[in-house]
C-alpha atoms as a PDB file:
ATOM      1  CA  MET A   1    -130.492 167.028 203.770  1.00  0.00           C
ATOM      2  CA  LYS A   2    -127.077 168.635 203.216  1.00  0.00           C
ATOM      3  CA  LYS A   3    -126.689 166.631 200.011  1.00  0.00           C
ATOM      4  CA  LEU A   4    -130.075 167.844 198.724  1.00  0.00           C
ATOM      5  CA  LEU A   5    -129.209 171.472 199.516  1.00  0.00           C
ATOM      6  CA  LEU A   6    -125.792 171.103 197.881  1.00  0.00           C
ATOM      7  CA  LEU A   7    -127.342 169.467 194.801  1.00  0.00           C
ATOM      8  CA  SER A   8    -129.923 172.276 194.552  1.00  0.00           C
ATOM      9  CA  LEU A   9    -127.209 174.949 194.748  1.00  0.00           C
ATOM     10  CA  LEU A  10    -125.152 173.144 192.126  1.00  0.00           C
ATOM     11  CA  CYS A  11    -128.162 172.941 189.742  1.00  0.00           C
ATOM     12  CA  PHE A  12    -128.914 176.619 190.331  1.00  0.00           C
ATOM     13  CA  ALA A  13    -125.293 177.545 189.582  1.00  0.00           C
ATOM     14  CA  ILE A  14    -125.265 175.514 186.359  1.00  0.00           C
ATOM     15  CA  ILE A  15    -128.543 177.043 185.170  1.00  0.00           C
ATOM     16  CA  SER A  16    -127.313 180.548 186.002  1.00  0.00           C
ATOM     17  CA  CYS A  17    -124.097 180.024 184.069  1.00  0.00           C
ATOM     18  CA  ASN A  18    -125.986 178.851 180.984  1.00  0.00           C
ATOM     19  CA  LYS A  19    -127.993 182.058 180.732  1.00  0.00           C
ATOM     20  CA  SER A  20    -126.466 184.362 178.189  1.00  0.00           C
ATOM     21  CA  THR A  21    -125.842 187.936 179.166  1.00  0.00           C
ATOM     22  CA  ALA A  22    -125.674 189.015 175.517  1.00  0.00           C
ATOM     23  CA  PRO A  23    -128.829 190.721 174.264  1.00  0.00           C
ATOM     24  CA  THR A  24    -130.945 188.461 172.077  1.00  0.00           C
ATOM     25  CA  LYS A  25    -132.018 189.667 168.691  1.00  0.00           C
ATOM     26  CA  GLU A  26    -135.759 189.775 168.178  1.00  0.00           C
ATOM     27  CA  MET A  27    -136.821 187.518 165.351  1.00  0.00           C
ATOM     28  CA  LYS A  28    -138.834 189.407 162.772  1.00  0.00           C
ATOM     29  CA  THR A  29    -141.069 187.155 160.682  1.00  0.00           C
ATOM     30  CA  ALA A  30    -143.722 187.568 158.008  1.00  0.00           C
ATOM     31  CA  TYR A  31    -145.351 185.502 155.323  1.00  0.00           C
ATOM     32  CA  VAL A  32    -146.403 185.821 151.699  1.00  0.00           C
ATOM     33  CA  ASP A  33    -149.451 184.080 150.240  1.00  0.00           C
ATOM     34  CA  THR A  34    -147.781 182.757 147.085  1.00  0.00           C
ATOM     35  CA  SER A  35    -151.055 181.800 145.380  1.00  0.00           C
ATOM     36  CA  LYS A  36    -152.429 185.295 145.851  1.00  0.00           C
ATOM     37  CA  LEU A  37    -149.093 186.783 144.788  1.00  0.00           C
ATOM     38  CA  LEU A  38    -149.157 184.961 141.451  1.00  0.00           C
ATOM     39  CA  GLU A  39    -152.837 185.851 140.923  1.00  0.00           C
ATOM     40  CA  GLU A  40    -152.222 189.561 141.479  1.00  0.00           C
ATOM     41  CA  TYR A  41    -148.711 190.042 140.076  1.00  0.00           C
ATOM     42  CA  ASN A  42    -149.035 191.768 136.711  1.00  0.00           C
ATOM     43  CA  GLU A  43    -146.080 190.020 135.102  1.00  0.00           C
ATOM     44  CA  ALA A  44    -147.593 186.626 135.985  1.00  0.00           C
ATOM     45  CA  LYS A  45    -150.929 187.804 134.559  1.00  0.00           C
ATOM     46  CA  ASP A  46    -149.164 188.932 131.371  1.00  0.00           C
ATOM     47  CA  ILE A  47    -147.437 185.568 130.973  1.00  0.00           C
ATOM     48  CA  GLU A  48    -150.729 183.745 131.493  1.00  0.00           C
ATOM     49  CA  ALA A  49    -152.501 185.998 128.966  1.00  0.00           C
ATOM     50  CA  LYS A  50    -149.662 185.565 126.461  1.00  0.00           C
ATOM     51  CA  TYR A  51    -149.923 181.781 126.504  1.00  0.00           C
ATOM     52  CA  LYS A  52    -153.714 181.825 126.497  1.00  0.00           C
ATOM     53  CA  ALA A  53    -153.634 183.966 123.355  1.00  0.00           C
ATOM     54  CA  LYS A  54    -150.953 181.750 121.813  1.00  0.00           C
ATOM     55  CA  GLY A  55    -153.016 178.670 122.653  1.00  0.00           C
ATOM     56  CA  ASP A  56    -156.140 180.219 121.146  1.00  0.00           C
ATOM     57  CA  GLU A  57    -154.238 181.124 117.980  1.00  0.00           C
ATOM     58  CA  MET A  58    -152.679 177.690 117.611  1.00  0.00           C
ATOM     59  CA  GLY A  59    -155.984 176.069 118.552  1.00  0.00           C
ATOM     60  CA  LYS A  60    -157.884 177.785 115.717  1.00  0.00           C
ATOM     61  CA  GLU A  61    -155.935 175.819 113.140  1.00  0.00           C
ATOM     62  CA  LEU A  62    -156.610 172.593 114.988  1.00  0.00           C
ATOM     63  CA  GLU A  63    -160.302 173.495 115.408  1.00  0.00           C
ATOM     64  CA  ALA A  64    -160.629 173.819 111.631  1.00  0.00           C
ATOM     65  CA  GLU A  65    -159.203 170.329 111.206  1.00  0.00           C
ATOM     66  CA  VAL A  66    -161.556 168.975 113.898  1.00  0.00           C
ATOM     67  CA  ALA A  67    -164.526 170.570 112.116  1.00  0.00           C
ATOM     68  CA  ARG A  68    -163.469 168.921 108.820  1.00  0.00           C
ATOM     69  CA  PHE A  69    -163.104 165.612 110.643  1.00  0.00           C
ATOM     70  CA  LYS A  70    -166.590 165.895 112.161  1.00  0.00           C
ATOM     71  CA  ALA A  71    -168.047 166.626 108.740  1.00  0.00           C
ATOM     72  CA  GLU A  72    -166.259 163.557 107.331  1.00  0.00           C
ATOM     73  CA  ALA A  73    -167.480 161.434 110.243  1.00  0.00           C
ATOM     74  CA  THR A  74    -171.082 162.522 109.634  1.00  0.00           C
ATOM     75  CA  SER A  75    -170.708 161.799 105.933  1.00  0.00           C
ATOM     76  CA  PHE A  76    -169.128 158.438 106.746  1.00  0.00           C
ATOM     77  CA  GLN A  77    -172.079 157.466 108.944  1.00  0.00           C
ATOM     78  CA  LYS A  78    -174.575 158.312 106.170  1.00  0.00           C
ATOM     79  CA  ASN A  79    -172.528 156.411 103.579  1.00  0.00           C
ATOM     80  CA  ALA A  80    -172.098 153.442 105.902  1.00  0.00           C
ATOM     81  CA  GLN A  81    -175.855 153.108 106.238  1.00  0.00           C
ATOM     82  CA  ALA A  82    -176.317 153.389 102.493  1.00  0.00           C
ATOM     83  CA  LYS A  83    -173.337 151.310 101.299  1.00  0.00           C
ATOM     84  CA  GLY A  84    -173.283 148.618 103.961  1.00  0.00           C
ATOM     85  CA  GLN A  85    -171.013 147.116 106.572  1.00  0.00           C
ATOM     86  CA  ALA A  86    -168.269 145.971 104.203  1.00  0.00           C
ATOM     87  CA  TRP A  87    -167.768 149.518 102.915  1.00  0.00           C
ATOM     88  CA  ALA A  88    -167.824 150.878 106.495  1.00  0.00           C
ATOM     89  CA  GLN A  89    -165.122 148.455 107.643  1.00  0.00           C
ATOM     90  CA  GLU A  90    -162.953 149.227 104.652  1.00  0.00           C
ATOM     91  CA  ASN A  91    -163.155 153.012 105.064  1.00  0.00           C
ATOM     92  CA  GLY A  92    -163.487 153.191 108.854  1.00  0.00           C
ATOM     93  CA  ALA A  93    -159.779 152.550 109.495  1.00  0.00           C
ATOM     94  CA  ARG A  94    -158.830 155.730 107.631  1.00  0.00           C
ATOM     95  CA  LEU A  95    -161.256 157.743 109.722  1.00  0.00           C
ATOM     96  CA  GLN A  96    -159.936 156.219 112.960  1.00  0.00           C
ATOM     97  CA  LYS A  97    -156.373 157.006 111.920  1.00  0.00           C
ATOM     98  CA  GLN A  98    -157.347 160.605 111.209  1.00  0.00           C
ATOM     99  CA  GLU A  99    -159.060 160.872 114.610  1.00  0.00           C
ATOM    100  CA  GLN A 100    -155.946 159.517 116.324  1.00  0.00           C
ATOM    101  CA  GLU A 101    -153.712 161.991 114.483  1.00  0.00           C
ATOM    102  CA  LEU A 102    -155.943 164.873 115.584  1.00  0.00           C
ATOM    103  CA  SER A 103    -155.748 163.646 119.158  1.00  0.00           C
ATOM    104  CA  TYR A 104    -151.942 163.483 118.982  1.00  0.00           C
ATOM    105  CA  ALA A 105    -151.791 166.972 117.463  1.00  0.00           C
ATOM    106  CA  GLN A 106    -153.948 168.335 120.265  1.00  0.00           C
ATOM    107  CA  GLN A 107    -151.793 166.665 122.918  1.00  0.00           C
ATOM    108  CA  ALA A 108    -148.621 167.982 121.268  1.00  0.00           C
ATOM    109  CA  LEU A 109    -150.066 171.510 121.211  1.00  0.00           C
ATOM    110  CA  VAL A 110    -150.964 171.375 124.904  1.00  0.00           C
ATOM    111  CA  GLN A 111    -147.549 169.922 125.780  1.00  0.00           C
ATOM    112  CA  GLN A 112    -145.704 172.592 123.779  1.00  0.00           C
ATOM    113  CA  LEU A 113    -147.625 175.415 125.455  1.00  0.00           C
ATOM    114  CA  ARG A 114    -147.146 173.840 128.889  1.00  0.00           C
ATOM    115  CA  GLU A 115    -143.365 173.542 128.365  1.00  0.00           C
ATOM    116  CA  GLU A 116    -142.948 177.073 127.002  1.00  0.00           C
ATOM    117  CA  SER A 117    -145.039 178.687 129.721  1.00  0.00           C
ATOM    118  CA  GLY A 118    -143.393 176.484 132.362  1.00  0.00           C
ATOM    119  CA  VAL A 119    -139.947 177.783 131.465  1.00  0.00           C
ATOM    120  CA  GLU A 120    -141.146 181.375 131.617  1.00  0.00           C
ATOM    121  CA  MET A 121    -143.020 180.830 134.912  1.00  0.00           C
ATOM    122  CA  ASP A 122    -139.970 179.118 136.453  1.00  0.00           C
ATOM    123  CA  THR A 123    -137.899 182.174 135.555  1.00  0.00           C
ATOM    124  CA  LEU A 124    -140.573 184.403 137.079  1.00  0.00           C
ATOM    125  CA  VAL A 125    -140.665 182.362 140.304  1.00  0.00           C
ATOM    126  CA  LYS A 126    -136.868 182.583 140.630  1.00  0.00           C
ATOM    127  CA  LYS A 127    -137.052 186.342 140.119  1.00  0.00           C
ATOM    128  CA  VAL A 128    -139.801 186.683 142.759  1.00  0.00           C
ATOM    129  CA  LYS A 129    -137.846 184.545 145.250  1.00  0.00           C
ATOM    130  CA  LYS A 130    -134.768 186.730 144.747  1.00  0.00           C
ATOM    131  CA  PHE A 131    -136.892 189.850 145.175  1.00  0.00           C
ATOM    132  CA  ILE A 132    -138.393 188.519 148.438  1.00  0.00           C
ATOM    133  CA  LYS A 133    -134.937 187.538 149.696  1.00  0.00           C
ATOM    134  CA  ASP A 134    -133.577 191.026 148.973  1.00  0.00           C
ATOM    135  CA  TYR A 135    -136.698 192.564 150.517  1.00  0.00           C
ATOM    136  CA  GLY A 136    -136.262 190.455 153.649  1.00  0.00           C
ATOM    137  CA  LYS A 137    -132.637 191.499 154.037  1.00  0.00           C
ATOM    138  CA  GLU A 138    -133.474 195.159 153.481  1.00  0.00           C
ATOM    139  CA  LYS A 139    -136.354 195.139 155.979  1.00  0.00           C
ATOM    140  CA  GLY A 140    -134.471 193.089 158.581  1.00  0.00           C
ATOM    141  CA  PHE A 141    -136.608 189.942 158.556  1.00  0.00           C
ATOM    142  CA  THR A 142    -135.294 186.763 160.107  1.00  0.00           C
ATOM    143  CA  TYR A 143    -137.819 184.634 158.207  1.00  0.00           C
ATOM    144  CA  ILE A 144    -140.362 185.155 155.458  1.00  0.00           C
ATOM    145  CA  TYR A 145    -142.579 182.150 154.964  1.00  0.00           C
ATOM    146  CA  GLY A 146    -144.632 181.189 151.953  1.00  0.00           C
ATOM    147  CA  THR A 147    -148.235 180.024 152.046  1.00  0.00           C
ATOM    148  CA  GLY A 148    -150.577 178.963 149.300  1.00  0.00           C
ATOM    149  CA  GLU A 149    -151.190 175.635 147.600  1.00  0.00           C
ATOM    150  CA  ALA A 150    -148.068 174.128 149.163  1.00  0.00           C
ATOM    151  CA  ALA A 151    -148.611 175.708 152.559  1.00  0.00           C
ATOM    152  CA  THR A 152    -145.598 175.808 154.846  1.00  0.00           C
ATOM    153  CA  ILE A 153    -147.428 177.627 157.643  1.00  0.00           C
ATOM    154  CA  LEU A 154    -150.308 176.269 159.648  1.00  0.00           C
ATOM    155  CA  TYR A 155    -151.016 179.539 161.426  1.00  0.00           C
ATOM    156  CA  ALA A 156    -149.921 183.115 161.126  1.00  0.00           C
ATOM    157  CA  GLU A 157    -151.286 186.375 162.423  1.00  0.00           C
ATOM    158  CA  ASP A 158    -152.773 188.491 159.650  1.00  0.00           C
ATOM    159  CA  LYS A 159    -150.520 191.392 160.645  1.00  0.00           C
ATOM    160  CA  LEU A 160    -147.529 189.288 159.510  1.00  0.00           C
ATOM    161  CA  ASP A 161    -148.917 188.940 155.956  1.00  0.00           C
ATOM    162  CA  ILE A 162    -146.791 191.095 153.644  1.00  0.00           C
ATOM    163  CA  THR A 163    -148.281 189.716 150.404  1.00  0.00           C
ATOM    164  CA  ALA A 164    -149.994 192.981 149.415  1.00  0.00           C
ATOM    165  CA  GLU A 165    -146.795 194.966 149.957  1.00  0.00           C
ATOM    166  CA  ILE A 166    -144.732 192.468 147.927  1.00  0.00           C
ATOM    167  CA  VAL A 167    -147.321 192.453 145.107  1.00  0.00           C
ATOM    168  CA  LYS A 168    -147.354 196.260 145.005  1.00  0.00           C
ATOM    169  CA  LEU A 169    -143.561 196.519 144.932  1.00  0.00           C
ATOM    170  CA  LEU A 170    -143.232 193.805 142.280  1.00  0.00           C
ATOM    171  CA  ASN A 171    -145.932 195.432 140.127  1.00  0.00           C
ATOM    172  CA  ASP A 172    -144.266 198.840 140.480  1.00  0.00           C
ATOM    173  CA  LYS A 173    -140.910 197.337 139.502  1.00  0.00           C
ATOM    174  CA  TYR A 174    -142.494 195.461 136.560  1.00  0.00           C
ATOM    175  CA  LYS A 175    -144.299 198.608 135.413  1.00  0.00           C
ATOM    176  CA  ALA A 176    -141.050 200.573 135.552  1.00  0.00           C
ATOM    177  CA  SER A 177    -139.170 197.927 133.565  1.00  0.00           C
ATOM    178  CA  ASP A 178    -142.026 197.797 131.043  1.00  0.00           C
ATOM    179  CA  LYS A 179    -141.695 201.562 130.491  1.00  0.00           C
ATOM    180  CA  LYS A 180    -137.948 201.166 129.903  1.00  0.00           C
ATOM    181  CA  VAL A 181    -138.600 198.483 127.268  1.00  0.00           C
ATOM    182  CA  GLY A 182    -141.200 200.737 125.626  1.00  0.00           C
ATOM    183  CA  LYS A 183    -138.740 203.644 125.462  1.00  0.00           C
ATOM    184  CA  LYS A 184    -136.058 201.448 123.881  1.00  0.00           C
ATOM    185  CA  GLU A 185    -138.516 200.283 121.219  1.00  0.00           C
ATOM    186  CA  ASP A 186    -139.596 203.901 120.537  1.00  0.00           C
ATOM    187  CA  GLU A 187    -135.963 204.922 120.016  1.00  0.00           C
ATOM    188  CA  LYS A 188    -135.480 202.315 117.281  1.00  0.00           C
END
């Protein structure tokens, strides 16, 4: 019995000594819905619109070539019926080659736009991450988590969601920088 009492006192003493007397800092956390952020951030919208317009412009030229190819294919089918199988085999290879070239041109166009927009979006993402980091430091957050397509949070209280505030601040900052660029161009 004495051993049990002594062991209990020893455990109590060890546990008491491990408790810190220093005040603990409250952890302040929040999260940002990154998918929503990129949908509502004006600079991201502008980048998307820029590459959509560029794709449409570059696609018009390709569409004209596709239309010419379709007309040739229709003409080829009519001639093949009239001139026979030997003629169709002889001239069909040229048409197949042209179709393949159009396919390659379309793939190259998509790849070029994807690479160009990817570089610009990567730069934007880095800028947003830096902004959120600075925001977190300024507001005293211990953690700011990101949610969205690659969710890193399984649950969060809605009151911790600071997405709207981040979007507003980023849009205000983007708007202000856009005005500065406009003034510089006006001065020229």
